[in-house]
Amino acid sequence: MNKTEIIERINAFMVEDFEVEESAIVPTADLKTTLDLDSLDYIDLVVVIEQNFGFKVKPEDFQTMITIQDFYDYVINKVETANV
């Protein structure tokens, strides 16, 4: 899976599972605000990531993610590391 495919999959589940307007999904957007995340939503997001990409997510990993680009980079890095 390449970077473009990962980003497309992330955007798809943001729209489908979190009901985010596609136009709001831009790399510089604030992740928490854009997804309107509360603590239960973070649990849902962890589950969706694990189902879509096959790696475990630690809740503390989200502390360093501010923008959607940070989120993309995190998932891309995890997927690439898992495939090495």
N, C-alpha and C. Protein backbone atom coordinates (compact mmCIF):
# COMPACT_ATOMS: atom_id res chain seq x y z
N MET A 1 0.85 -1.17 0.00
CA MET A 1 0.00 0.00 0.00
C MET A 1 0.90 1.24 0.00
N ASN A 2 0.67 2.14 -0.95
CA ASN A 2 1.50 3.34 -1.01
C ASN A 2 0.86 4.50 -0.23
N LYS A 3 1.59 5.61 -0.15
CA LYS A 3 1.13 6.76 0.64
C LYS A 3 -0.21 7.28 0.15
N THR A 4 -0.39 7.36 -1.16
CA THR A 4 -1.65 7.87 -1.71
C THR A 4 -2.82 6.97 -1.32
N GLU A 5 -2.62 5.67 -1.39
CA GLU A 5 -3.68 4.73 -1.02
C GLU A 5 -4.02 4.82 0.47
N ILE A 6 -3.00 5.01 1.29
CA ILE A 6 -3.23 5.15 2.73
C ILE A 6 -4.05 6.41 3.01
N ILE A 7 -3.66 7.52 2.39
CA ILE A 7 -4.39 8.78 2.60
C ILE A 7 -5.82 8.66 2.10
N GLU A 8 -6.02 8.04 0.95
CA GLU A 8 -7.38 7.86 0.43
C GLU A 8 -8.23 7.02 1.38
N ARG A 9 -7.63 5.97 1.94
CA ARG A 9 -8.38 5.12 2.88
C ARG A 9 -8.72 5.88 4.15
N ILE A 10 -7.76 6.66 4.66
CA ILE A 10 -8.02 7.48 5.85
C ILE A 10 -9.15 8.46 5.58
N ASN A 11 -9.07 9.17 4.45
CA ASN A 11 -10.12 10.14 4.11
C ASN A 11 -11.48 9.45 4.00
N ALA A 12 -11.51 8.27 3.41
CA ALA A 12 -12.78 7.54 3.24
C ALA A 12 -13.40 7.21 4.59
N PHE A 13 -12.60 6.73 5.55
CA PHE A 13 -13.24 6.40 6.84
C PHE A 13 -13.56 7.64 7.66
N MET A 14 -12.85 8.74 7.41
CA MET A 14 -13.23 9.99 8.08
C MET A 14 -14.63 10.43 7.62
N VAL A 15 -14.87 10.30 6.32
CA VAL A 15 -16.16 10.69 5.76
C VAL A 15 -17.25 9.71 6.19
N GLU A 16 -16.98 8.42 6.05
CA GLU A 16 -17.99 7.40 6.32
C GLU A 16 -18.25 7.18 7.80
N ASP A 17 -17.20 7.01 8.59
CA ASP A 17 -17.37 6.64 9.99
C ASP A 17 -17.51 7.82 10.94
N PHE A 18 -16.92 8.95 10.57
CA PHE A 18 -16.94 10.12 11.46
C PHE A 18 -17.75 11.28 10.89
N GLU A 19 -18.35 11.05 9.73
CA GLU A 19 -19.25 12.02 9.09
C GLU A 19 -18.61 13.40 8.92
N VAL A 20 -17.36 13.40 8.50
CA VAL A 20 -16.64 14.64 8.23
C VAL A 20 -16.90 15.03 6.78
N GLU A 21 -17.14 16.31 6.54
CA GLU A 21 -17.29 16.79 5.18
C GLU A 21 -15.95 16.60 4.46
N GLU A 22 -16.00 16.04 3.28
CA GLU A 22 -14.77 15.78 2.54
C GLU A 22 -13.94 17.06 2.34
N SER A 23 -14.61 18.17 2.13
CA SER A 23 -13.91 19.44 1.91
C SER A 23 -13.15 19.90 3.16
N ALA A 24 -13.51 19.38 4.33
CA ALA A 24 -12.84 19.77 5.58
C ALA A 24 -11.55 18.99 5.81
N ILE A 25 -11.34 17.94 5.04
CA ILE A 25 -10.18 17.08 5.24
C ILE A 25 -9.01 17.62 4.42
N VAL A 26 -8.26 18.49 5.05
CA VAL A 26 -7.06 19.07 4.44
C VAL A 26 -5.90 18.85 5.41
N PRO A 27 -4.68 18.68 4.90
CA PRO A 27 -3.55 18.35 5.76
C PRO A 27 -3.31 19.30 6.93
N THR A 28 -3.61 20.57 6.76
CA THR A 28 -3.33 21.54 7.83
C THR A 28 -4.46 21.66 8.85
N ALA A 29 -5.57 20.98 8.63
CA ALA A 29 -6.71 21.06 9.55
C ALA A 29 -6.38 20.40 10.88
N ASP A 30 -6.93 20.94 11.94
CA ASP A 30 -6.76 20.38 13.27
C ASP A 30 -7.52 19.05 13.35
N LEU A 31 -6.83 18.00 13.72
CA LEU A 31 -7.41 16.65 13.73
C LEU A 31 -8.60 16.56 14.68
N LYS A 32 -8.43 17.00 15.91
CA LYS A 32 -9.49 16.88 16.92
C LYS A 32 -10.72 17.69 16.54
N THR A 33 -10.50 18.91 16.07
CA THR A 33 -11.61 19.78 15.69
C THR A 33 -12.33 19.26 14.45
N THR A 34 -11.57 18.86 13.44
CA THR A 34 -12.16 18.40 12.18
C THR A 34 -13.00 17.15 12.39
N LEU A 35 -12.47 16.22 13.17
CA LEU A 35 -13.22 14.98 13.43
C LEU A 35 -14.21 15.13 14.57
N ASP A 36 -14.17 16.27 15.26
CA ASP A 36 -15.04 16.52 16.41
C ASP A 36 -14.91 15.37 17.41
N LEU A 37 -13.67 15.09 17.78
CA LEU A 37 -13.38 13.92 18.61
C LEU A 37 -13.55 14.20 20.10
N ASP A 38 -14.24 13.27 20.76
CA ASP A 38 -14.23 13.23 22.21
C ASP A 38 -13.53 11.93 22.60
N SER A 39 -13.47 11.61 23.87
CA SER A 39 -12.69 10.45 24.29
C SER A 39 -13.23 9.14 23.72
N LEU A 40 -14.53 9.01 23.58
CA LEU A 40 -15.09 7.79 22.98
C LEU A 40 -14.78 7.70 21.50
N ASP A 41 -14.75 8.84 20.82
CA ASP A 41 -14.41 8.85 19.40
C ASP A 41 -12.97 8.39 19.16
N TYR A 42 -12.09 8.71 20.09
CA TYR A 42 -10.71 8.25 19.95
C TYR A 42 -10.66 6.72 19.98
N ILE A 43 -11.48 6.11 20.82
CA ILE A 43 -11.55 4.65 20.87
C ILE A 43 -12.04 4.12 19.53
N ASP A 44 -13.07 4.74 18.99
CA ASP A 44 -13.58 4.34 17.67
C ASP A 44 -12.50 4.50 16.60
N LEU A 45 -11.75 5.59 16.67
CA LEU A 45 -10.69 5.84 15.70
C LEU A 45 -9.60 4.77 15.79
N VAL A 46 -9.24 4.38 17.00
CA VAL A 46 -8.24 3.32 17.19
C VAL A 46 -8.72 2.03 16.54
N VAL A 47 -9.98 1.68 16.77
CA VAL A 47 -10.54 0.46 16.20
C VAL A 47 -10.52 0.52 14.67
N VAL A 48 -10.92 1.64 14.10
CA VAL A 48 -10.95 1.79 12.65
C VAL A 48 -9.54 1.69 12.06
N ILE A 49 -8.57 2.29 12.72
CA ILE A 49 -7.18 2.21 12.24
C ILE A 49 -6.71 0.76 12.27
N GLU A 50 -6.96 0.08 13.39
CA GLU A 50 -6.52 -1.31 13.51
C GLU A 50 -7.19 -2.20 12.47
N GLN A 51 -8.46 -1.97 12.19
CA GLN A 51 -9.17 -2.77 11.20
C GLN A 51 -8.66 -2.50 9.78
N ASN A 52 -8.38 -1.25 9.48
CA ASN A 52 -7.98 -0.87 8.13
C ASN A 52 -6.51 -1.11 7.82
N PHE A 53 -5.67 -1.01 8.84
CA PHE A 53 -4.23 -1.05 8.57
C PHE A 53 -3.49 -2.17 9.30
N GLY A 54 -4.15 -2.86 10.23
CA GLY A 54 -3.57 -4.04 10.85
C GLY A 54 -2.45 -3.81 11.84
N PHE A 55 -2.40 -2.66 12.48
CA PHE A 55 -1.40 -2.46 13.55
C PHE A 55 -2.10 -1.89 14.77
N LYS A 56 -1.49 -2.12 15.92
CA LYS A 56 -2.03 -1.65 17.19
C LYS A 56 -1.66 -0.19 17.41
N VAL A 57 -2.60 0.55 17.96
CA VAL A 57 -2.41 1.96 18.24
C VAL A 57 -2.44 2.16 19.76
N LYS A 58 -1.48 2.92 20.26
CA LYS A 58 -1.49 3.26 21.68
C LYS A 58 -2.18 4.62 21.82
N PRO A 59 -3.07 4.75 22.78
CA PRO A 59 -3.76 6.04 22.95
C PRO A 59 -2.81 7.22 23.09
N GLU A 60 -1.66 7.01 23.72
CA GLU A 60 -0.72 8.13 23.90
C GLU A 60 -0.12 8.60 22.58
N ASP A 61 -0.19 7.77 21.53
CA ASP A 61 0.30 8.19 20.22
C ASP A 61 -0.46 9.41 19.70
N PHE A 62 -1.71 9.56 20.11
CA PHE A 62 -2.52 10.69 19.64
C PHE A 62 -2.08 12.02 20.23
N GLN A 63 -1.32 11.98 21.31
CA GLN A 63 -0.89 13.23 21.96
C GLN A 63 0.01 14.06 21.06
N THR A 64 0.72 13.42 20.14
CA THR A 64 1.61 14.15 19.25
C THR A 64 0.96 14.55 17.94
N MET A 65 -0.27 14.11 17.73
CA MET A 65 -0.96 14.41 16.47
C MET A 65 -1.83 15.66 16.63
N ILE A 66 -1.46 16.70 15.92
CA ILE A 66 -2.23 17.94 15.97
C ILE A 66 -3.05 18.10 14.69
N THR A 67 -2.39 17.95 13.56
CA THR A 67 -3.06 18.16 12.28
C THR A 67 -3.41 16.83 11.61
N ILE A 68 -4.20 16.91 10.58
CA ILE A 68 -4.51 15.71 9.80
C ILE A 68 -3.24 15.19 9.14
N GLN A 69 -2.32 16.09 8.75
CA GLN A 69 -1.05 15.64 8.18
C GLN A 69 -0.26 14.81 9.20
N ASP A 70 -0.28 15.22 10.47
CA ASP A 70 0.38 14.44 11.51
C ASP A 70 -0.21 13.03 11.57
N PHE A 71 -1.52 12.95 11.44
CA PHE A 71 -2.22 11.67 11.46
C PHE A 71 -1.82 10.83 10.25
N TYR A 72 -1.82 11.44 9.07
CA TYR A 72 -1.37 10.74 7.86
C TYR A 72 0.04 10.19 8.06
N ASP A 73 0.95 11.06 8.53
CA ASP A 73 2.35 10.67 8.70
C ASP A 73 2.48 9.51 9.68
N TYR A 74 1.72 9.56 10.75
CA TYR A 74 1.75 8.49 11.75
C TYR A 74 1.35 7.15 11.13
N VAL A 75 0.22 7.13 10.42
CA VAL A 75 -0.27 5.89 9.82
C VAL A 75 0.70 5.41 8.74
N ILE A 76 1.15 6.31 7.90
CA ILE A 76 2.11 5.93 6.83
C ILE A 76 3.36 5.31 7.44
N ASN A 77 3.90 5.94 8.47
CA ASN A 77 5.10 5.42 9.13
C ASN A 77 4.85 4.03 9.70
N LYS A 78 3.73 3.84 10.38
CA LYS A 78 3.41 2.54 10.96
C LYS A 78 3.25 1.47 9.90
N VAL A 79 2.57 1.79 8.81
CA VAL A 79 2.36 0.83 7.73
C VAL A 79 3.70 0.48 7.08
N GLU A 80 4.52 1.49 6.81
CA GLU A 80 5.82 1.24 6.18
C GLU A 80 6.72 0.44 7.11
N THR A 81 6.71 0.73 8.40
CA THR A 81 7.53 0.00 9.37
C THR A 81 7.08 -1.45 9.48
N ALA A 82 5.77 -1.68 9.42
CA ALA A 82 5.24 -3.04 9.52
C ALA A 82 5.61 -3.88 8.30
N ASN A 83 5.82 -3.23 7.17
CA ASN A 83 6.12 -3.95 5.92
C ASN A 83 7.62 -4.13 5.68
N VAL A 84 8.45 -3.74 6.64
CA VAL A 84 9.90 -3.86 6.46
C VAL A 84 10.37 -5.23 6.89
